[in-house]
Amino acid sequence: MRSVIVVHPRFEAIWPFAADHFRALWEAQGAVEFIRLEHGDDRKLGEIVGDCRGVERLVSIYVPVTEDCIGKFTDLRETVLYGPGITAEMREELVSRGVRVYMHRSEGFWGQSVSEFALALTLCGLRRIPQTYRDMIASHETWAYEPAGGLGKPGARGQQFGDDPNFANGTVEGKRVRIVGAGNIASRYASFVSFLGADTSAWDPFASEPSFHRAGTRREYHLDRLVMDAEIFAPMVPLTEKTKGLVTAEHIRALPKGCLVVLATRAGICNMEALRERVLNDELSLAADVFDIEPLPLNDPLIGRHNVVHTPHNAGRTIDANRRWAEAIAEQFAPV
């Protein structure tokens, strides 16, 4: 069996570890022709492979493909053609010849990475880990746990207490965690916080009942009700035309004072103007990997605040997600 993988560096600017993992998966089954193009090489697929006869398995990633190219692969049995310029007509032509054409899924491969990161944001938001890390670099003041004058006062700073009692703090256990979504990322996150002992409920009108059971969370049928008692609020749906602004200003204003908001998928699903207003007024705390403005300006008022944890939109792009990207394609091919 002749197996060929062709990858363009445009793809590796996005997924730099995926192609080599795909190559390793196929090499475990037998010989593979692996072609990695140089920057600026925009030859068409049929020119790159040369003699296309005998190629039975083909993966072409971000390489220009034409109908003439496809016609040269006379012995093709299985293929993935991924990248700009690939048309439905090309795929239909291959299917009419009996070729199994597999599609790259747009979601799924970074679900674990994003949901674990969201859990980390939650813990950092509750315990102010980034803030205390930063303060330790500047001075010893963060070590001074005693209240002023060394006299204990109810609700004041005490020994080894570095949290902020004005916002959700301490353990995940016992917290009311309210989640928008029950899909790939949201359900994983729900299962994590549920395992840690949180009281979880989620709203997702499109998810099936088993999605909630697997995540160990109750199903809430009304988004308006979901926000009413949240101590931790985590909107976790993809950004689409239907979900843009899904969490309205009214929902944000209904969140209880001190609630921690966790943003790990897309900021555009929330009314960010209302969220910013409440965070800057010290009514809510925020732990976010995604923002309404990216990159976030260095003078943005959210930067460095005592009630904000921020990271630069990197929750999903782990090496593990790269590998899962490759595996999601490889597993569609017939066993060798």
Protein backbone atom coordinates (compact mmCIF):
# COMPACT_ATOMS: atom_id res chain seq x y z
CA MET A 1 0.00 0.00 0.00
CA ARG A 2 1.36 3.42 -0.96
CA SER A 3 0.54 6.11 1.63
CA VAL A 4 1.36 9.79 1.09
CA ILE A 5 1.17 12.81 3.42
CA VAL A 6 1.80 16.31 2.05
CA VAL A 7 1.79 19.30 4.41
CA HIS A 8 2.26 23.01 3.77
CA PRO A 9 3.92 25.30 6.38
CA ARG A 10 0.81 27.51 6.39
CA PHE A 11 -0.86 24.72 8.32
CA GLU A 12 2.06 24.36 10.71
CA ALA A 13 1.78 28.00 11.66
CA ILE A 14 -1.48 26.92 13.31
CA TRP A 15 -0.85 23.30 14.31
CA PRO A 16 2.96 22.88 14.49
CA PHE A 17 2.95 19.43 16.12
CA ALA A 18 0.07 17.73 14.29
CA ALA A 19 1.66 16.60 11.01
CA ASP A 20 4.60 14.82 12.63
CA HIS A 21 2.25 12.98 14.96
CA PHE A 22 0.10 11.92 12.01
CA ARG A 23 3.25 10.69 10.28
CA ALA A 24 4.20 8.64 13.35
CA LEU A 25 0.73 7.08 13.49
CA TRP A 26 0.97 5.91 9.89
CA GLU A 27 4.61 4.84 10.12
CA ALA A 28 3.58 2.46 12.89
CA GLN A 29 1.51 0.69 10.20
CA GLY A 30 4.09 0.69 7.40
CA ALA A 31 6.02 2.83 4.93
CA VAL A 32 4.89 6.42 4.42
CA GLU A 33 5.93 9.07 1.92
CA PHE A 34 6.01 12.28 3.95
CA ILE A 35 6.44 15.56 2.06
CA ARG A 36 6.88 18.81 3.99
CA LEU A 37 6.94 21.82 1.69
CA GLU A 38 9.18 24.84 2.14
CA HIS A 39 7.78 28.33 2.73
CA GLY A 40 6.75 29.89 -0.57
CA ASP A 41 6.30 26.54 -2.32
CA ASP A 42 2.79 26.76 -3.78
CA ARG A 43 3.00 23.94 -6.29
CA LYS A 44 -0.16 21.98 -6.82
CA LEU A 45 -0.63 18.57 -5.28
CA GLY A 46 -0.25 16.72 -8.57
CA GLU A 47 3.12 18.38 -9.21
CA ILE A 48 4.46 17.65 -5.75
CA VAL A 49 3.74 13.94 -5.59
CA GLY A 50 5.01 13.31 -9.11
CA ASP A 51 3.90 9.83 -10.11
CA CYS A 52 0.51 9.65 -8.45
CA ARG A 53 -0.26 6.14 -9.60
CA GLY A 54 -0.35 3.55 -6.86
CA VAL A 55 -1.22 6.05 -4.11
CA GLU A 56 -4.01 4.43 -2.13
CA ARG A 57 -4.04 6.63 0.99
CA LEU A 58 -3.53 10.39 0.72
CA VAL A 59 -3.58 13.23 3.20
CA SER A 60 -3.11 16.72 1.75
CA ILE A 61 -3.00 19.61 4.24
CA TYR A 62 -3.13 23.24 3.04
CA VAL A 63 -1.71 22.29 -0.38
CA PRO A 64 -3.32 23.71 -3.56
CA VAL A 65 -5.49 21.07 -5.24
CA THR A 66 -7.25 21.18 -8.62
CA GLU A 67 -9.55 18.76 -10.40
CA ASP A 68 -6.64 17.83 -12.68
CA CYS A 69 -4.62 16.90 -9.59
CA ILE A 70 -7.38 14.62 -8.35
CA GLY A 71 -7.59 12.91 -11.72
CA LYS A 72 -3.95 11.81 -11.47
CA PHE A 73 -4.60 9.69 -8.37
CA THR A 74 -6.17 6.81 -10.26
CA ASP A 75 -5.65 4.19 -7.53
CA LEU A 76 -6.82 6.27 -4.59
CA ARG A 77 -8.95 4.50 -1.99
CA GLU A 78 -9.02 6.87 1.00
CA THR A 79 -8.20 10.54 1.41
CA VAL A 80 -8.42 13.71 3.46
CA LEU A 81 -8.09 16.98 1.56
CA TYR A 82 -7.87 19.82 4.06
CA GLY A 83 -7.33 23.48 3.42
CA PRO A 84 -8.47 26.47 1.37
CA GLY A 85 -9.65 25.88 -2.19
CA ILE A 86 -10.97 22.36 -1.65
CA THR A 87 -14.50 22.31 -3.07
CA ALA A 88 -17.49 20.07 -2.48
CA GLU A 89 -17.41 19.21 -6.20
CA MET A 90 -13.89 17.80 -5.83
CA ARG A 91 -14.96 15.60 -2.96
CA GLU A 92 -18.08 14.48 -4.84
CA GLU A 93 -15.95 13.52 -7.85
CA LEU A 94 -13.78 11.33 -5.64
CA VAL A 95 -16.79 9.73 -3.97
CA SER A 96 -18.26 8.92 -7.41
CA ARG A 97 -15.06 6.99 -8.13
CA GLY A 98 -15.51 4.93 -4.97
CA VAL A 99 -12.95 6.86 -2.92
CA ARG A 100 -13.69 7.21 0.80
CA VAL A 101 -13.34 10.92 1.55
CA TYR A 102 -12.96 11.79 5.21
CA MET A 103 -13.67 15.19 6.69
CA HIS A 104 -11.71 16.99 9.35
CA ARG A 105 -13.92 17.80 12.32
CA SER A 106 -13.89 21.43 13.40
CA GLU A 107 -14.26 20.69 17.11
CA GLY A 108 -13.37 18.09 19.69
CA PHE A 109 -9.61 17.89 19.64
CA TRP A 110 -9.01 20.74 22.09
CA GLY A 111 -11.91 20.01 24.43
CA GLN A 112 -9.77 18.50 27.17
CA SER A 113 -7.13 21.24 26.94
CA VAL A 114 -9.65 24.09 27.18
CA SER A 115 -11.73 22.53 29.95
CA GLU A 116 -8.67 21.76 32.08
CA PHE A 117 -7.46 25.33 31.52
CA ALA A 118 -10.87 26.64 32.57
CA LEU A 119 -10.55 24.65 35.79
CA ALA A 120 -7.12 26.22 36.34
CA LEU A 121 -8.59 29.69 35.74
CA THR A 122 -11.29 28.88 38.28
CA LEU A 123 -8.76 27.85 40.93
CA CYS A 124 -6.59 30.89 40.20
CA GLY A 125 -9.60 33.18 40.41
CA LEU A 126 -10.72 31.74 43.72
CA ARG A 127 -7.27 31.70 45.34
CA ARG A 128 -5.67 34.75 43.64
CA ILE A 129 -2.64 32.66 42.64
CA PRO A 130 -1.39 34.97 39.84
CA GLN A 131 -1.82 38.06 42.00
CA THR A 132 0.12 36.67 44.94
CA TYR A 133 2.83 35.37 42.60
CA ARG A 134 3.22 38.87 41.18
CA ASP A 135 3.18 40.53 44.60
CA MET A 136 5.91 38.22 45.92
CA ILE A 137 8.28 39.48 43.23
CA ALA A 138 7.79 43.10 44.26
CA SER A 139 7.84 42.99 48.07
CA HIS A 140 7.35 41.00 51.26
CA GLU A 141 4.02 42.65 51.99
CA THR A 142 2.07 39.68 50.68
CA TRP A 143 3.62 37.57 53.48
CA ALA A 144 2.16 39.86 56.15
CA TYR A 145 -1.01 37.95 56.99
CA GLU A 146 -1.64 39.61 60.35
CA PRO A 147 -4.28 42.33 60.58
CA ALA A 148 -3.21 45.88 61.37
CA GLY A 149 -1.74 46.10 64.84
CA GLY A 150 -1.74 42.35 65.15
CA LEU A 151 -5.26 42.39 66.58
CA GLY A 152 -7.62 39.83 65.17
CA LYS A 153 -10.89 41.07 63.79
CA PRO A 154 -13.85 39.10 62.43
CA GLY A 155 -13.70 38.82 58.65
CA ALA A 156 -10.28 40.50 58.42
CA ARG A 157 -6.96 39.17 57.17
CA GLY A 158 -5.52 36.38 59.28
CA GLN A 159 -2.78 33.79 59.27
CA GLN A 160 -2.09 32.27 55.84
CA PHE A 161 -5.23 33.80 54.39
CA GLY A 162 -4.51 35.33 51.01
CA ASP A 163 -7.96 35.24 49.43
CA ASP A 164 -10.27 38.20 48.90
CA PRO A 165 -13.49 37.74 50.90
CA ASN A 166 -15.27 40.31 48.72
CA PHE A 167 -15.38 37.76 45.87
CA ALA A 168 -15.94 34.02 45.51
CA ASN A 169 -12.91 32.45 47.16
CA GLY A 170 -11.57 29.32 48.83
CA THR A 171 -12.48 25.84 47.61
CA VAL A 172 -14.48 24.70 44.60
CA GLU A 173 -16.20 22.30 46.97
CA GLY A 174 -19.59 23.62 47.96
CA LYS A 175 -19.63 26.42 45.39
CA ARG A 176 -22.66 26.98 43.19
CA VAL A 177 -21.17 26.62 39.71
CA ARG A 178 -23.50 27.62 36.88
CA ILE A 179 -22.50 26.74 33.34
CA VAL A 180 -23.84 27.86 29.97
CA GLY A 181 -23.46 24.87 27.66
CA ALA A 182 -23.26 21.09 27.99
CA GLY A 183 -21.11 20.30 24.97
CA ASN A 184 -17.57 19.11 24.47
CA ILE A 185 -15.85 21.70 26.69
CA ALA A 186 -18.65 22.63 29.09
CA SER A 187 -19.50 19.04 30.04
CA ARG A 188 -15.87 18.24 30.81
CA TYR A 189 -15.55 21.34 32.97
CA ALA A 190 -18.79 20.45 34.73
CA SER A 191 -17.49 16.97 35.51
CA PHE A 192 -14.24 18.42 36.94
CA VAL A 193 -15.91 20.85 39.33
CA SER A 194 -18.60 18.32 40.22
CA PHE A 195 -15.90 15.83 41.18
CA LEU A 196 -14.36 18.50 43.43
CA GLY A 197 -17.67 18.83 45.23
CA ALA A 198 -19.33 21.81 43.57
CA ASP A 199 -23.08 22.18 43.24
CA THR A 200 -23.37 22.36 39.45
CA SER A 201 -26.16 23.12 37.03
CA ALA A 202 -26.04 23.88 33.33
CA TRP A 203 -28.26 25.39 30.66
CA ASP A 204 -28.16 24.12 27.10
CA PRO A 205 -31.43 23.78 25.17
CA PHE A 206 -29.76 21.73 22.42
CA ALA A 207 -27.98 19.11 24.54
CA SER A 208 -29.47 15.67 25.15
CA GLU A 209 -30.29 14.51 28.67
CA PRO A 210 -27.31 12.11 28.89
CA SER A 211 -24.93 15.06 28.42
CA PHE A 212 -25.96 16.38 31.83
CA HIS A 213 -25.89 12.99 33.53
CA ARG A 214 -22.37 12.20 32.29
CA ALA A 215 -21.14 15.56 33.58
CA GLY A 216 -22.75 15.06 36.98
CA THR A 217 -24.77 18.26 36.69
CA ARG A 218 -28.39 19.23 36.92
CA ARG A 219 -30.19 20.55 33.89
CA GLU A 220 -31.52 24.09 34.16
CA TYR A 221 -34.21 24.95 31.64
CA HIS A 222 -34.07 28.74 31.99
CA LEU A 223 -30.95 30.85 31.47
CA ASP A 224 -32.55 33.65 33.50
CA ARG A 225 -32.74 31.31 36.46
CA LEU A 226 -29.22 29.94 35.99
CA VAL A 227 -27.57 33.28 36.77
CA MET A 228 -29.58 34.09 39.87
CA ASP A 229 -27.53 32.23 42.51
CA ALA A 230 -24.18 31.67 40.76
CA GLU A 231 -21.00 31.87 42.81
CA ILE A 232 -18.99 30.77 39.77
CA PHE A 233 -20.46 31.51 36.34
CA ALA A 234 -18.90 29.84 33.29
CA PRO A 235 -20.38 30.52 29.83
CA MET A 236 -18.81 27.80 27.65
CA VAL A 237 -20.37 27.58 24.20
CA PRO A 238 -18.73 28.20 20.81
CA LEU A 239 -19.15 31.62 19.24
CA THR A 240 -21.67 31.46 16.39
CA GLU A 241 -24.29 33.80 15.01
CA LYS A 242 -26.80 32.22 17.40
CA THR A 243 -24.60 32.41 20.50
CA LYS A 244 -23.17 35.90 19.96
CA GLY A 245 -24.39 38.01 22.87
CA LEU A 246 -26.27 35.01 24.28
CA VAL A 247 -25.43 36.10 27.81
CA THR A 248 -27.05 39.52 27.80
CA ALA A 249 -26.43 42.62 29.88
CA GLU A 250 -29.47 41.66 31.94
CA HIS A 251 -27.95 38.26 32.70
CA ILE A 252 -24.66 39.87 33.73
CA ARG A 253 -26.44 42.36 35.98
CA ALA A 254 -28.40 39.53 37.60
CA LEU A 255 -25.25 37.71 38.75
CA PRO A 256 -24.85 37.96 42.53
CA LYS A 257 -22.26 40.40 43.84
CA GLY A 258 -18.88 38.69 44.29
CA CYS A 259 -19.50 36.03 41.61
CA LEU A 260 -16.44 34.76 39.72
CA VAL A 261 -16.94 34.74 35.93
CA VAL A 262 -14.79 32.26 33.98
CA LEU A 263 -14.26 32.88 30.23
CA ALA A 264 -12.42 30.15 28.35
CA THR A 265 -14.16 29.74 24.98
CA ARG A 266 -15.11 33.10 23.45
CA ALA A 267 -15.82 36.47 25.03
CA GLY A 268 -18.36 37.38 22.34
CA ILE A 269 -20.97 35.08 23.84
CA CYS A 270 -21.29 37.65 26.66
CA ASN A 271 -22.24 41.30 26.72
CA MET A 272 -18.70 42.41 27.53
CA GLU A 273 -19.65 46.03 28.16
CA ALA A 274 -21.85 44.98 31.07
CA LEU A 275 -19.27 42.48 32.31
CA ARG A 276 -16.48 45.03 32.19
CA GLU A 277 -18.62 47.54 34.07
CA ARG A 278 -19.33 45.17 36.95
CA VAL A 279 -15.73 43.90 37.15
CA LEU A 280 -14.32 47.44 37.17
CA ASN A 281 -16.85 48.40 39.85
CA ASP A 282 -15.54 45.52 42.01
CA GLU A 283 -18.89 43.76 41.87
CA LEU A 284 -17.61 40.65 40.07
CA SER A 285 -14.25 38.92 39.70
CA LEU A 286 -13.05 37.61 36.34
CA ALA A 287 -10.78 34.78 35.22
CA ALA A 288 -10.43 34.97 31.44
CA ASP A 289 -8.40 33.57 28.59
CA VAL A 290 -10.51 35.34 25.95
CA PHE A 291 -11.49 38.99 25.59
CA ASP A 292 -13.55 41.36 23.50
CA ILE A 293 -10.30 43.02 22.34
CA GLU A 294 -7.36 40.81 21.38
CA PRO A 295 -4.55 41.41 21.99
CA LEU A 296 -5.72 43.18 25.12
CA PRO A 297 -4.11 46.65 25.15
CA LEU A 298 -1.42 47.08 27.79
CA ASN A 299 -3.33 50.03 29.21
CA ASP A 300 -6.65 48.16 29.32
CA PRO A 301 -8.22 48.68 32.77
CA LEU A 302 -8.68 44.91 33.20
CA ILE A 303 -4.92 44.33 33.11
CA GLY A 304 -3.36 43.70 36.50
CA ARG A 305 -6.51 44.25 38.56
CA HIS A 306 -6.82 42.62 41.97
CA ASN A 307 -10.05 40.91 40.87
CA VAL A 308 -8.93 39.74 37.40
CA VAL A 309 -6.91 36.72 36.26
CA HIS A 310 -5.91 37.00 32.61
CA THR A 311 -4.09 34.80 30.08
CA PRO A 312 -3.45 35.46 26.34
CA HIS A 313 -5.96 33.14 24.60
CA ASN A 314 -3.86 29.98 24.76
CA ALA A 315 -6.15 27.49 26.50
CA GLY A 316 -6.61 25.14 23.55
CA ARG A 317 -3.34 24.91 21.65
CA THR A 318 -1.46 22.26 23.62
CA ILE A 319 0.76 19.59 22.09
CA ASP A 320 -1.92 17.15 23.24
CA ALA A 321 -4.55 19.03 21.21
CA ASN A 322 -2.21 18.92 18.18
CA ARG A 323 -1.93 15.15 18.57
CA ARG A 324 -5.67 14.78 18.97
CA TRP A 325 -6.12 16.80 15.77
CA ALA A 326 -4.05 14.21 13.92
CA GLU A 327 -5.68 11.25 15.65
CA ALA A 328 -9.17 12.51 14.79
CA ILE A 329 -8.23 12.19 11.12
CA ALA A 330 -6.14 9.01 11.33
CA GLU A 331 -8.79 7.03 13.14
CA GLN A 332 -11.19 7.47 10.19
CA PHE A 333 -8.93 5.47 7.86
CA ALA A 334 -9.43 1.73 7.51
CA PRO A 335 -7.08 -0.44 9.62
CA VAL A 336 -3.96 -1.66 7.81
